[in-house]
C-alpha atoms as a PDB file:
ATOM      1  CA  LEU A   1     -98.254 -55.656  32.086  1.00  0.00           C
ATOM      2  CA  ALA A   2     -96.893 -54.467  35.739  1.00  0.00           C
ATOM      3  CA  ARG A   3     -94.042 -53.788  36.754  1.00  0.00           C
ATOM      4  CA  LYS A   4     -91.009 -56.448  37.675  1.00  0.00           C
ATOM      5  CA  PRO A   5     -89.774 -55.768  41.112  1.00  0.00           C
ATOM      6  CA  ILE A   6     -86.700 -53.947  41.669  1.00  0.00           C
ATOM      7  CA  LYS A   7     -84.362 -56.617  42.628  1.00  0.00           C
ATOM      8  CA  LEU A   8     -85.292 -58.909  40.186  1.00  0.00           C
ATOM      9  CA  ALA A   9     -84.319 -56.399  37.145  1.00  0.00           C
ATOM     10  CA  ALA A  10     -80.971 -55.856  39.331  1.00  0.00           C
ATOM     11  CA  VAL A  11     -80.149 -59.392  39.355  1.00  0.00           C
ATOM     12  CA  ALA A  12     -80.958 -59.339  35.496  1.00  0.00           C
ATOM     13  CA  LEU A  13     -78.844 -56.613  35.217  1.00  0.00           C
ATOM     14  CA  ALA A  14     -75.758 -58.242  37.202  1.00  0.00           C
ATOM     15  CA  ASN A  15     -76.228 -61.167  35.466  1.00  0.00           C
ATOM     16  CA  LYS A  16     -75.959 -59.574  32.213  1.00  0.00           C
ATOM     17  CA  ILE A  17     -72.420 -57.746  32.876  1.00  0.00           C
ATOM     18  CA  ALA A  18     -71.256 -60.628  34.341  1.00  0.00           C
ATOM     19  CA  ARG A  19     -71.616 -62.520  31.336  1.00  0.00           C
ATOM     20  CA  ILE A  20     -70.153 -59.569  29.156  1.00  0.00           C
ATOM     21  CA  ALA A  21     -66.998 -59.468  31.590  1.00  0.00           C
ATOM     22  CA  TRP A  22     -66.665 -63.325  31.826  1.00  0.00           C
ATOM     23  CA  LYS A  23     -66.797 -63.152  27.579  1.00  0.00           C
ATOM     24  CA  MET A  24     -64.101 -60.522  27.936  1.00  0.00           C
ATOM     25  CA  MET A  25     -61.908 -62.343  30.312  1.00  0.00           C
ATOM     26  CA  THR A  26     -61.989 -65.532  28.580  1.00  0.00           C
ATOM     27  CA  THR A  27     -61.145 -64.500  24.769  1.00  0.00           C
ATOM     28  CA  GLY A  28     -59.133 -61.413  25.567  1.00  0.00           C
ATOM     29  CA  GLN A  29     -61.635 -59.068  23.639  1.00  0.00           C
ATOM     30  CA  THR A  30     -61.852 -55.468  24.328  1.00  0.00           C
ATOM     31  CA  TYR A  31     -65.485 -53.378  25.394  1.00  0.00           C
ATOM     32  CA  ASP A  32     -67.444 -52.044  22.418  1.00  0.00           C
ATOM     33  CA  GLY A  33     -69.952 -50.281  23.435  1.00  0.00           C
ATOM     34  CA  ALA A  34     -71.117 -49.954  20.150  1.00  0.00           C
ATOM     35  CA  ARG A  35     -72.101 -52.949  19.569  1.00  0.00           C
ATOM     36  CA  MET A  36     -74.801 -52.999  22.742  1.00  0.00           C
ATOM     37  CA  GLN A  37     -78.281 -52.325  20.987  1.00  0.00           C
ATOM     38  CA  VAL A  38     -80.245 -49.230  22.545  1.00  0.00           C
ATOM     39  CA  ALA A  39     -83.269 -50.542  24.051  1.00  0.00           C
ATOM     40  CA  SER A  40     -86.531 -48.837  22.531  1.00  0.00           C
ATOM     41  CA  PRO A  41     -88.614 -46.626  25.011  1.00  0.00           C
ATOM     42  CA  ARG A  42     -91.641 -48.654  25.872  1.00  0.00           C
ATOM     43  CA  ALA A  43     -94.985 -47.380  24.752  1.00  0.00           C
ATOM     44  CA  ALA A  44     -97.279 -45.465  27.523  1.00  0.00           C
END
């Protein structure tokens, strides 16, 4: 698989962070990093 362009990855990460922030603001919850799943390293 070809690598994605760096700008595309940056936009995807910004989208993810924005969704987390929006959920926290609308529900009043605090961030719980333990709930985040750690991505497994990609096989080379």
